[in-house]
PDB file of N, CA and C in Angstrom:
ATOM      1  N   MET A   1     180.206 182.154 247.616  1.00  0.00           N
ATOM      2  CA  MET A   1     180.947 181.507 246.709  1.00  0.00           C
ATOM      3  C   MET A   1     181.863 180.294 248.029  1.00  0.00           C
ATOM      4  N   LYS A   2     182.295 180.939 249.587  1.00  0.00           N
ATOM      5  CA  LYS A   2     183.319 180.274 250.389  1.00  0.00           C
ATOM      6  C   LYS A   2     182.098 179.833 251.151  1.00  0.00           C
ATOM      7  N   ARG A   3     180.599 180.291 251.663  1.00  0.00           N
ATOM      8  CA  ARG A   3     179.919 179.179 252.211  1.00  0.00           C
ATOM      9  C   ARG A   3     179.235 177.733 251.180  1.00  0.00           C
ATOM     10  N   GLN A   4     179.877 177.686 250.022  1.00  0.00           N
ATOM     11  CA  GLN A   4     178.953 176.874 248.974  1.00  0.00           C
ATOM     12  C   GLN A   4     180.453 176.007 249.301  1.00  0.00           C
ATOM     13  N   MET A   5     182.559 176.650 249.016  1.00  0.00           N
ATOM     14  CA  MET A   5     183.472 175.554 249.750  1.00  0.00           C
ATOM     15  C   MET A   5     183.193 174.996 251.065  1.00  0.00           C
ATOM     16  N   LEU A   6     182.881 175.068 251.709  1.00  0.00           N
ATOM     17  CA  LEU A   6     183.035 175.199 253.325  1.00  0.00           C
ATOM     18  C   LEU A   6     181.385 174.612 253.720  1.00  0.00           C
ATOM     19  N   LEU A   7     180.128 174.627 253.094  1.00  0.00           N
ATOM     20  CA  LEU A   7     179.426 173.349 252.963  1.00  0.00           C
ATOM     21  C   LEU A   7     180.550 171.570 252.282  1.00  0.00           C
ATOM     22  N   ILE A   8     180.817 171.918 250.260  1.00  0.00           N
ATOM     23  CA  ILE A   8     181.551 171.070 250.095  1.00  0.00           C
ATOM     24  C   ILE A   8     182.241 170.452 250.581  1.00  0.00           C
ATOM     25  N   ILE A   9     183.368 171.176 251.949  1.00  0.00           N
ATOM     26  CA  ILE A   9     183.982 170.465 253.181  1.00  0.00           C
ATOM     27  C   ILE A   9     184.178 169.497 253.926  1.00  0.00           C
ATOM     28  N   GLY A  10     182.355 170.263 254.174  1.00  0.00           N
ATOM     29  CA  GLY A  10     181.634 169.701 256.011  1.00  0.00           C
ATOM     30  C   GLY A  10     181.217 168.369 254.885  1.00  0.00           C
ATOM     31  N   ALA A  11     180.654 167.901 254.237  1.00  0.00           N
ATOM     32  CA  ALA A  11     180.464 167.282 253.527  1.00  0.00           C
ATOM     33  C   ALA A  11     180.923 166.066 253.519  1.00  0.00           C
ATOM     34  N   ALA A  12     182.154 166.772 253.236  1.00  0.00           N
ATOM     35  CA  ALA A  12     183.675 165.739 252.671  1.00  0.00           C
ATOM     36  C   ALA A  12     184.227 165.549 253.824  1.00  0.00           C
ATOM     37  N   LEU A  13     184.122 165.499 255.158  1.00  0.00           N
ATOM     38  CA  LEU A  13     184.370 165.699 256.506  1.00  0.00           C
ATOM     39  C   LEU A  13     183.450 164.654 256.698  1.00  0.00           C
ATOM     40  N   ALA A  14     182.312 164.832 256.752  1.00  0.00           N
ATOM     41  CA  ALA A  14     181.221 164.014 256.857  1.00  0.00           C
ATOM     42  C   ALA A  14     180.886 162.715 256.784  1.00  0.00           C
ATOM     43  N   LEU A  15     181.398 162.472 255.263  1.00  0.00           N
ATOM     44  CA  LEU A  15     181.025 161.537 254.720  1.00  0.00           C
ATOM     45  C   LEU A  15     181.835 160.225 255.226  1.00  0.00           C
ATOM     46  N   GLY A  16     183.313 160.455 254.980  1.00  0.00           N
ATOM     47  CA  GLY A  16     184.402 159.797 254.932  1.00  0.00           C
ATOM     48  C   GLY A  16     184.480 158.229 254.585  1.00  0.00           C
ATOM     49  N   GLY A  17     185.008 157.162 254.877  1.00  0.00           N
ATOM     50  CA  GLY A  17     184.646 156.025 254.562  1.00  0.00           C
ATOM     51  C   GLY A  17     185.012 155.912 252.950  1.00  0.00           C
ATOM     52  N   THR A  18     184.330 154.873 252.532  1.00  0.00           N
ATOM     53  CA  THR A  18     184.832 154.888 250.947  1.00  0.00           C
ATOM     54  C   THR A  18     184.288 156.028 249.602  1.00  0.00           C
ATOM     55  N   GLN A  19     183.677 156.815 250.107  1.00  0.00           N
ATOM     56  CA  GLN A  19     183.435 157.993 249.619  1.00  0.00           C
ATOM     57  C   GLN A  19     184.731 159.239 249.895  1.00  0.00           C
ATOM     58  N   ALA A  20     185.554 158.747 250.625  1.00  0.00           N
ATOM     59  CA  ALA A  20     186.593 159.823 250.442  1.00  0.00           C
ATOM     60  C   ALA A  20     187.343 160.455 249.482  1.00  0.00           C
ATOM     61  N   LYS A  21     187.665 159.259 248.190  1.00  0.00           N
ATOM     62  CA  LYS A  21     188.486 159.744 247.615  1.00  0.00           C
ATOM     63  C   LYS A  21     187.577 160.472 246.576  1.00  0.00           C
ATOM     64  N   ALA A  22     185.981 160.906 246.234  1.00  0.00           N
ATOM     65  CA  ALA A  22     185.453 161.393 245.362  1.00  0.00           C
ATOM     66  C   ALA A  22     185.591 162.689 245.843  1.00  0.00           C
ATOM     67  N   ASP A  23     185.436 162.884 247.657  1.00  0.00           N
ATOM     68  CA  ASP A  23     185.049 164.035 248.533  1.00  0.00           C
ATOM     69  C   ASP A  23     186.220 164.916 248.613  1.00  0.00           C
ATOM     70  N   ASP A  24     187.239 163.455 248.249  1.00  0.00           N
ATOM     71  CA  ASP A  24     188.172 164.280 248.079  1.00  0.00           C
ATOM     72  C   ASP A  24     188.299 165.147 246.811  1.00  0.00           C
ATOM     73  N   ILE A  25     187.986 165.299 245.735  1.00  0.00           N
ATOM     74  CA  ILE A  25     188.351 165.114 243.798  1.00  0.00           C
ATOM     75  C   ILE A  25     186.968 166.735 244.349  1.00  0.00           C
ATOM     76  N   ALA A  26     186.239 167.074 244.954  1.00  0.00           N
ATOM     77  CA  ALA A  26     185.229 167.553 244.955  1.00  0.00           C
ATOM     78  C   ALA A  26     185.348 169.026 245.478  1.00  0.00           C
ATOM     79  N   VAL A  27     185.957 168.563 247.254  1.00  0.00           N
ATOM     80  CA  VAL A  27     186.671 169.337 247.405  1.00  0.00           C
ATOM     81  C   VAL A  27     187.606 170.423 246.728  1.00  0.00           C
ATOM     82  N   GLY A  28     188.740 169.704 246.038  1.00  0.00           N
ATOM     83  CA  GLY A  28     189.878 169.848 245.276  1.00  0.00           C
ATOM     84  C   GLY A  28     188.801 170.843 244.470  1.00  0.00           C
ATOM     85  N   GLU A  29     188.053 170.453 243.680  1.00  0.00           N
ATOM     86  CA  GLU A  29     187.895 171.485 242.669  1.00  0.00           C
ATOM     87  C   GLU A  29     186.988 172.947 242.489  1.00  0.00           C
ATOM     88  N   ALA A  30     186.327 172.842 244.209  1.00  0.00           N
ATOM     89  CA  ALA A  30     186.122 173.801 244.567  1.00  0.00           C
ATOM     90  C   ALA A  30     187.562 175.195 244.690  1.00  0.00           C
ATOM     91  N   ILE A  31     187.916 174.282 245.482  1.00  0.00           N
ATOM     92  CA  ILE A  31     189.174 175.015 246.116  1.00  0.00           C
ATOM     93  C   ILE A  31     190.159 175.585 244.164  1.00  0.00           C
ATOM     94  N   TYR A  32     189.525 174.794 243.555  1.00  0.00           N
ATOM     95  CA  TYR A  32     190.784 175.298 242.474  1.00  0.00           C
ATOM     96  C   TYR A  32     189.197 176.366 241.579  1.00  0.00           C
ATOM     97  N   ALA A  33     188.317 176.225 241.559  1.00  0.00           N
ATOM     98  CA  ALA A  33     187.300 177.341 240.956  1.00  0.00           C
ATOM     99  C   ALA A  33     187.269 178.737 241.785  1.00  0.00           C
ATOM    100  N   GLU A  34     187.998 178.311 242.975  1.00  0.00           N
ATOM    101  CA  GLU A  34     187.674 179.266 243.681  1.00  0.00           C
ATOM    102  C   GLU A  34     189.047 180.300 243.429  1.00  0.00           C
ATOM    103  N   SER A  35     190.688 179.694 243.429  1.00  0.00           N
ATOM    104  CA  SER A  35     191.901 180.336 243.913  1.00  0.00           C
ATOM    105  C   SER A  35     192.465 180.024 242.177  1.00  0.00           C
ATOM    106  N   CYS A  36     192.714 179.355 241.369  1.00  0.00           N
ATOM    107  CA  CYS A  36     193.302 178.826 240.201  1.00  0.00           C
ATOM    108  C   CYS A  36     192.928 178.733 239.019  1.00  0.00           C
ATOM    109  N   VAL A  37     191.973 178.635 238.647  1.00  0.00           N
ATOM    110  CA  VAL A  37     191.299 178.864 237.151  1.00  0.00           C
ATOM    111  C   VAL A  37     191.442 180.001 236.740  1.00  0.00           C
ATOM    112  N   SER A  38     191.632 181.158 237.011  1.00  0.00           N
ATOM    113  CA  SER A  38     192.373 182.354 236.632  1.00  0.00           C
ATOM    114  C   SER A  38     193.208 182.629 236.404  1.00  0.00           C
ATOM    115  N   CYS A  39     193.611 182.230 236.227  1.00  0.00           N
ATOM    116  CA  CYS A  39     195.691 181.777 236.049  1.00  0.00           C
ATOM    117  C   CYS A  39     195.702 180.521 235.274  1.00  0.00           C
ATOM    118  N   HIS A  40     194.996 179.722 236.288  1.00  0.00           N
ATOM    119  CA  HIS A  40     195.454 178.140 234.911  1.00  0.00           C
ATOM    120  C   HIS A  40     194.336 177.924 234.315  1.00  0.00           C
ATOM    121  N   GLY A  41     193.319 178.543 234.433  1.00  0.00           N
ATOM    122  CA  GLY A  41     192.765 178.208 232.904  1.00  0.00           C
ATOM    123  C   GLY A  41     191.690 177.033 233.213  1.00  0.00           C
ATOM    124  N   ARG A  42     190.759 176.778 233.053  1.00  0.00           N
ATOM    125  CA  ARG A  42     189.213 176.314 233.047  1.00  0.00           C
ATOM    126  C   ARG A  42     189.816 174.498 232.565  1.00  0.00           C
ATOM    127  N   ALA A  43     190.815 174.388 231.933  1.00  0.00           N
ATOM    128  CA  ALA A  43     191.731 173.229 231.358  1.00  0.00           C
ATOM    129  C   ALA A  43     192.939 172.668 232.016  1.00  0.00           C
ATOM    130  N   GLY A  44     193.311 173.408 233.062  1.00  0.00           N
ATOM    131  CA  GLY A  44     194.548 173.759 233.408  1.00  0.00           C
ATOM    132  C   GLY A  44     195.681 173.572 232.709  1.00  0.00           C
ATOM    133  N   ARG A  45     195.820 174.218 231.147  1.00  0.00           N
ATOM    134  CA  ARG A  45     196.281 174.814 230.507  1.00  0.00           C
ATOM    135  C   ARG A  45     197.143 175.725 230.519  1.00  0.00           C
ATOM    136  N   GLY A  46     196.913 176.779 231.588  1.00  0.00           N
ATOM    137  CA  GLY A  46     197.094 177.873 232.117  1.00  0.00           C
ATOM    138  C   GLY A  46     197.324 178.891 230.481  1.00  0.00           C
ATOM    139  N   MET A  47     197.788 180.446 230.550  1.00  0.00           N
ATOM    140  CA  MET A  47     198.118 181.442 230.052  1.00  0.00           C
ATOM    141  C   MET A  47     199.164 182.149 230.634  1.00  0.00           C
ATOM    142  N   ALA A  48     199.019 182.798 229.287  1.00  0.00           N
ATOM    143  CA  ALA A  48     199.881 184.212 229.586  1.00  0.00           C
ATOM    144  C   ALA A  48     201.779 183.330 230.286  1.00  0.00           C
ATOM    145  N   SER A  49     201.789 183.937 231.145  1.00  0.00           N
ATOM    146  CA  SER A  49     203.202 183.602 231.619  1.00  0.00           C
ATOM    147  C   SER A  49     203.040 182.595 232.909  1.00  0.00           C
ATOM    148  N   PHE A  50     201.904 181.789 233.190  1.00  0.00           N
ATOM    149  CA  PHE A  50     201.278 180.829 233.803  1.00  0.00           C
ATOM    150  C   PHE A  50     201.378 179.259 233.547  1.00  0.00           C
ATOM    151  N   PRO A  51     202.048 178.914 234.077  1.00  0.00           N
ATOM    152  CA  PRO A  51     202.191 177.064 233.333  1.00  0.00           C
ATOM    153  C   PRO A  51     200.809 176.318 233.196  1.00  0.00           C
ATOM    154  N   SER A  52     201.179 175.283 232.384  1.00  0.00           N
ATOM    155  CA  SER A  52     200.020 174.149 232.369  1.00  0.00           C
ATOM    156  C   SER A  52     200.575 172.841 233.737  1.00  0.00           C
ATOM    157  N   ILE A  53     199.811 173.429 234.280  1.00  0.00           N
ATOM    158  CA  ILE A  53     199.764 171.655 234.868  1.00  0.00           C
ATOM    159  C   ILE A  53     198.820 170.219 234.477  1.00  0.00           C
ATOM    160  N   THR A  54     198.296 170.056 233.393  1.00  0.00           N
ATOM    161  CA  THR A  54     198.212 169.123 233.315  1.00  0.00           C
ATOM    162  C   THR A  54     198.681 167.984 232.615  1.00  0.00           C
ATOM    163  N   GLY A  55     198.943 166.899 233.514  1.00  0.00           N
ATOM    164  CA  GLY A  55     199.600 166.127 232.481  1.00  0.00           C
ATOM    165  C   GLY A  55     200.290 165.755 234.509  1.00  0.00           C
ATOM    166  N   ARG A  56     200.139 166.890 235.039  1.00  0.00           N
ATOM    167  CA  ARG A  56     201.413 166.257 236.229  1.00  0.00           C
ATOM    168  C   ARG A  56     200.704 164.793 237.096  1.00  0.00           C
ATOM    169  N   ASP A  57     201.375 164.863 238.208  1.00  0.00           N
ATOM    170  CA  ASP A  57     200.951 163.692 239.135  1.00  0.00           C
ATOM    171  C   ASP A  57     200.496 164.583 240.526  1.00  0.00           C
ATOM    172  N   ALA A  58     199.531 164.014 241.019  1.00  0.00           N
ATOM    173  CA  ALA A  58     199.718 164.772 242.759  1.00  0.00           C
ATOM    174  C   ALA A  58     200.615 164.868 243.587  1.00  0.00           C
ATOM    175  N   ASP A  59     201.627 164.129 243.484  1.00  0.00           N
ATOM    176  CA  ASP A  59     202.801 164.634 244.209  1.00  0.00           C
ATOM    177  C   ASP A  59     203.816 165.369 243.984  1.00  0.00           C
ATOM    178  N   TYR A  60     203.402 165.731 242.628  1.00  0.00           N
ATOM    179  CA  TYR A  60     204.224 166.639 241.762  1.00  0.00           C
ATOM    180  C   TYR A  60     203.719 167.761 242.888  1.00  0.00           C
ATOM    181  N   ILE A  61     202.366 167.419 242.481  1.00  0.00           N
ATOM    182  CA  ILE A  61     201.368 169.428 242.491  1.00  0.00           C
ATOM    183  C   ILE A  61     201.732 169.877 244.499  1.00  0.00           C
ATOM    184  N   ALA A  62     201.383 168.414 244.936  1.00  0.00           N
ATOM    185  CA  ALA A  62     201.229 168.682 246.103  1.00  0.00           C
ATOM    186  C   ALA A  62     202.807 169.224 246.603  1.00  0.00           C
ATOM    187  N   LYS A  63     204.020 168.590 245.939  1.00  0.00           N
ATOM    188  CA  LYS A  63     205.110 169.063 246.510  1.00  0.00           C
ATOM    189  C   LYS A  63     205.703 170.706 245.778  1.00  0.00           C
ATOM    190  N   ARG A  64     205.193 170.767 244.915  1.00  0.00           N
ATOM    191  CA  ARG A  64     204.917 172.464 244.299  1.00  0.00           C
ATOM    192  C   ARG A  64     204.057 172.982 245.996  1.00  0.00           C
ATOM    193  N   LEU A  65     203.134 173.161 245.853  1.00  0.00           N
ATOM    194  CA  LEU A  65     202.263 173.724 246.734  1.00  0.00           C
ATOM    195  C   LEU A  65     202.813 174.112 247.925  1.00  0.00           C
ATOM    196  N   GLU A  66     202.780 172.526 248.566  1.00  0.00           N
ATOM    197  CA  GLU A  66     203.942 173.019 250.268  1.00  0.00           C
ATOM    198  C   GLU A  66     205.465 173.909 249.902  1.00  0.00           C
ATOM    199  N   GLN A  67     205.685 173.627 249.017  1.00  0.00           N
ATOM    200  CA  GLN A  67     207.027 175.013 248.895  1.00  0.00           C
ATOM    201  C   GLN A  67     206.542 176.401 248.384  1.00  0.00           C
ATOM    202  N   TYR A  68     205.379 176.991 248.205  1.00  0.00           N
ATOM    203  CA  TYR A  68     204.757 178.467 247.798  1.00  0.00           C
ATOM    204  C   TYR A  68     204.522 178.208 249.581  1.00  0.00           C
ATOM    205  N   ARG A  69     203.386 177.551 250.036  1.00  0.00           N
ATOM    206  CA  ARG A  69     203.373 177.351 251.232  1.00  0.00           C
ATOM    207  C   ARG A  69     204.258 178.005 252.292  1.00  0.00           C
ATOM    208  N   ALA A  70     206.112 177.182 252.031  1.00  0.00           N
ATOM    209  CA  ALA A  70     206.452 177.408 253.418  1.00  0.00           C
ATOM    210  C   ALA A  70     207.522 178.684 252.494  1.00  0.00           C
ATOM    211  N   GLY A  71     207.047 179.121 251.532  1.00  0.00           N
ATOM    212  CA  GLY A  71     208.240 180.400 250.823  1.00  0.00           C
ATOM    213  C   GLY A  71     209.130 179.899 250.303  1.00  0.00           C
ATOM    214  N   GLU A  72     209.268 178.712 250.128  1.00  0.00           N
ATOM    215  CA  GLU A  72     210.308 179.183 249.565  1.00  0.00           C
ATOM    216  C   GLU A  72     210.408 179.204 247.660  1.00  0.00           C
ATOM    217  N   ARG A  73     211.275 179.503 247.159  1.00  0.00           N
ATOM    218  CA  ARG A  73     211.179 180.361 246.320  1.00  0.00           C
ATOM    219  C   ARG A  73     211.021 179.142 244.721  1.00  0.00           C
ATOM    220  N   VAL A  74     210.613 178.196 243.678  1.00  0.00           N
ATOM    221  CA  VAL A  74     210.212 177.991 243.260  1.00  0.00           C
ATOM    222  C   VAL A  74     210.747 177.638 241.918  1.00  0.00           C
ATOM    223  N   GLY A  75     210.369 179.508 241.279  1.00  0.00           N
ATOM    224  CA  GLY A  75     210.534 180.181 240.420  1.00  0.00           C
ATOM    225  C   GLY A  75     210.007 181.401 239.746  1.00  0.00           C
ATOM    226  N   PRO A  76     210.162 181.912 239.213  1.00  0.00           N
ATOM    227  CA  PRO A  76     209.761 183.153 238.106  1.00  0.00           C
ATOM    228  C   PRO A  76     208.238 183.515 238.871  1.00  0.00           C
ATOM    229  N   ASN A  77     207.596 182.731 239.453  1.00  0.00           N
ATOM    230  CA  ASN A  77     205.933 182.875 239.542  1.00  0.00           C
ATOM    231  C   ASN A  77     205.638 183.053 241.157  1.00  0.00           C
ATOM    232  N   THR A  78     206.825 182.773 241.720  1.00  0.00           N
ATOM    233  CA  THR A  78     207.030 182.046 243.671  1.00  0.00           C
ATOM    234  C   THR A  78     205.794 183.411 243.970  1.00  0.00           C
ATOM    235  N   PRO A  79     206.251 184.858 243.420  1.00  0.00           N
ATOM    236  CA  PRO A  79     205.489 186.345 243.710  1.00  0.00           C
ATOM    237  C   PRO A  79     204.240 186.506 243.876  1.00  0.00           C
ATOM    238  N   LEU A  80     203.850 185.235 242.892  1.00  0.00           N
ATOM    239  CA  LEU A  80     202.142 184.993 242.605  1.00  0.00           C
ATOM    240  C   LEU A  80     201.591 183.411 243.745  1.00  0.00           C
ATOM    241  N   MET A  81     202.457 182.630 243.163  1.00  0.00           N
ATOM    242  CA  MET A  81     201.799 181.615 244.496  1.00  0.00           C
ATOM    243  C   MET A  81     201.855 181.680 245.785  1.00  0.00           C
ATOM    244  N   ALA A  82     203.094 182.196 246.317  1.00  0.00           N
ATOM    245  CA  ALA A  82     202.483 181.855 246.672  1.00  0.00           C
ATOM    246  C   ALA A  82     201.779 182.690 248.220  1.00  0.00           C
ATOM    247  N   PRO A  83     201.411 183.522 247.758  1.00  0.00           N
ATOM    248  CA  PRO A  83     200.120 184.167 248.628  1.00  0.00           C
ATOM    249  C   PRO A  83     198.883 183.127 248.522  1.00  0.00           C
ATOM    250  N   HIS A  84     198.503 182.379 247.428  1.00  0.00           N
ATOM    251  CA  HIS A  84     197.557 181.739 247.391  1.00  0.00           C
ATOM    252  C   HIS A  84     197.635 180.580 248.362  1.00  0.00           C
ATOM    253  N   ALA A  85     198.360 180.190 248.243  1.00  0.00           N
ATOM    254  CA  ALA A  85     199.417 178.238 248.957  1.00  0.00           C
ATOM    255  C   ALA A  85     199.663 179.217 250.356  1.00  0.00           C
ATOM    256  N   ALA A  86     199.750 180.330 251.104  1.00  0.00           N
ATOM    257  CA  ALA A  86     199.805 180.614 252.182  1.00  0.00           C
ATOM    258  C   ALA A  86     198.740 180.252 253.578  1.00  0.00           C
ATOM    259  N   ASP A  87     197.958 180.466 252.847  1.00  0.00           N
ATOM    260  CA  ASP A  87     196.669 179.335 253.605  1.00  0.00           C
ATOM    261  C   ASP A  87     196.360 178.174 253.967  1.00  0.00           C
ATOM    262  N   LEU A  88     196.390 177.439 252.280  1.00  0.00           N
ATOM    263  CA  LEU A  88     196.136 176.133 252.279  1.00  0.00           C
ATOM    264  C   LEU A  88     196.766 174.877 252.754  1.00  0.00           C
ATOM    265  N   SER A  89     195.702 174.317 253.583  1.00  0.00           N
ATOM    266  CA  SER A  89     195.647 172.562 254.807  1.00  0.00           C
ATOM    267  C   SER A  89     196.472 171.956 254.385  1.00  0.00           C
ATOM    268  N   ASP A  90     197.128 171.218 254.674  1.00  0.00           N
ATOM    269  CA  ASP A  90     197.178 170.010 254.018  1.00  0.00           C
ATOM    270  C   ASP A  90     196.880 168.951 253.562  1.00  0.00           C
ATOM    271  N   ASP A  91     194.947 169.445 253.947  1.00  0.00           N
ATOM    272  CA  ASP A  91     194.239 168.605 253.549  1.00  0.00           C
ATOM    273  C   ASP A  91     193.603 169.098 252.004  1.00  0.00           C
ATOM    274  N   ASP A  92     193.707 170.542 252.520  1.00  0.00           N
ATOM    275  CA  ASP A  92     193.479 171.257 250.965  1.00  0.00           C
ATOM    276  C   ASP A  92     194.279 170.983 249.574  1.00  0.00           C
ATOM    277  N   ILE A  93     195.357 170.713 250.399  1.00  0.00           N
ATOM    278  CA  ILE A  93     197.190 170.819 249.388  1.00  0.00           C
ATOM    279  C   ILE A  93     196.867 169.378 248.355  1.00  0.00           C
ATOM    280  N   ALA A  94     196.151 168.439 249.219  1.00  0.00           N
ATOM    281  CA  ALA A  94     196.098 167.180 248.902  1.00  0.00           C
ATOM    282  C   ALA A  94     194.402 166.986 248.128  1.00  0.00           C
ATOM    283  N   ASN A  95     193.945 167.866 248.309  1.00  0.00           N
ATOM    284  CA  ASN A  95     192.452 167.777 247.830  1.00  0.00           C
ATOM    285  C   ASN A  95     192.620 168.280 246.448  1.00  0.00           C
ATOM    286  N   LEU A  96     193.526 168.950 246.235  1.00  0.00           N
ATOM    287  CA  LEU A  96     193.997 169.678 244.865  1.00  0.00           C
ATOM    288  C   LEU A  96     194.599 169.379 244.312  1.00  0.00           C
ATOM    289  N   ALA A  97     195.540 168.783 245.448  1.00  0.00           N
ATOM    290  CA  ALA A  97     196.826 168.050 243.855  1.00  0.00           C
ATOM    291  C   ALA A  97     195.829 166.836 242.881  1.00  0.00           C
ATOM    292  N   ALA A  98     194.610 165.787 243.707  1.00  0.00           N
ATOM    293  CA  ALA A  98     193.650 165.061 243.768  1.00  0.00           C
ATOM    294  C   ALA A  98     193.125 165.422 242.384  1.00  0.00           C
ATOM    295  N   TYR A  99     192.494 166.621 242.427  1.00  0.00           N
ATOM    296  CA  TYR A  99     191.537 166.995 241.910  1.00  0.00           C
ATOM    297  C   TYR A  99     192.376 167.457 240.350  1.00  0.00           C
ATOM    298  N   ILE A 100     193.628 167.776 240.424  1.00  0.00           N
ATOM    299  CA  ILE A 100     194.388 168.594 238.995  1.00  0.00           C
ATOM    300  C   ILE A 100     194.883 167.368 238.512  1.00  0.00           C
ATOM    301  N   SER A 101     195.948 165.913 238.882  1.00  0.00           N
ATOM    302  CA  SER A 101     195.968 165.475 238.378  1.00  0.00           C
ATOM    303  C   SER A 101     195.377 164.218 238.093  1.00  0.00           C
ATOM    304  N   GLU A 102     193.684 164.343 238.494  1.00  0.00           N
ATOM    305  CA  GLU A 102     192.816 162.971 238.456  1.00  0.00           C
ATOM    306  C   GLU A 102     191.827 164.089 236.918  1.00  0.00           C
ATOM    307  N   THR A 103     191.824 165.050 237.259  1.00  0.00           N
ATOM    308  CA  THR A 103     191.292 166.164 236.394  1.00  0.00           C
ATOM    309  C   THR A 103     191.840 166.619 234.591  1.00  0.00           C
ATOM    310  N   PHE A 104     192.662 166.570 234.856  1.00  0.00           N
ATOM    311  CA  PHE A 104     193.721 167.533 234.053  1.00  0.00           C
ATOM    312  C   PHE A 104     194.532 166.765 233.007  1.00  0.00           C
ATOM    313  N   GLN A 105     194.455 165.610 232.969  1.00  0.00           N
ATOM    314  CA  GLN A 105     195.546 164.482 232.183  1.00  0.00           C
ATOM    315  C   GLN A 105     196.322 164.688 231.280  1.00  0.00           C
TER     316      GLN A 105
END
């Protein structure tokens, strides 16, 4: 799975230009499938104590992920989210935000 994600990221970087938005979403989808789906679900609706992320815009998602990555306390699930966000790059966050905001409207 990690190799597949690296190939997707590499392809996205290599294509650049007019394909950037589609590739960003594809990369975000791969990251979501690996790290987010188990708590937020396939449709982004959340489950149990994990919140729904449907209807959230890209700016909201990016800001929250940046806060978690920085170690800021955002809410009761911060201890669960912070380790997932800790290793995300700025590009990873942008790709995830694009995927989530476009897919879970």
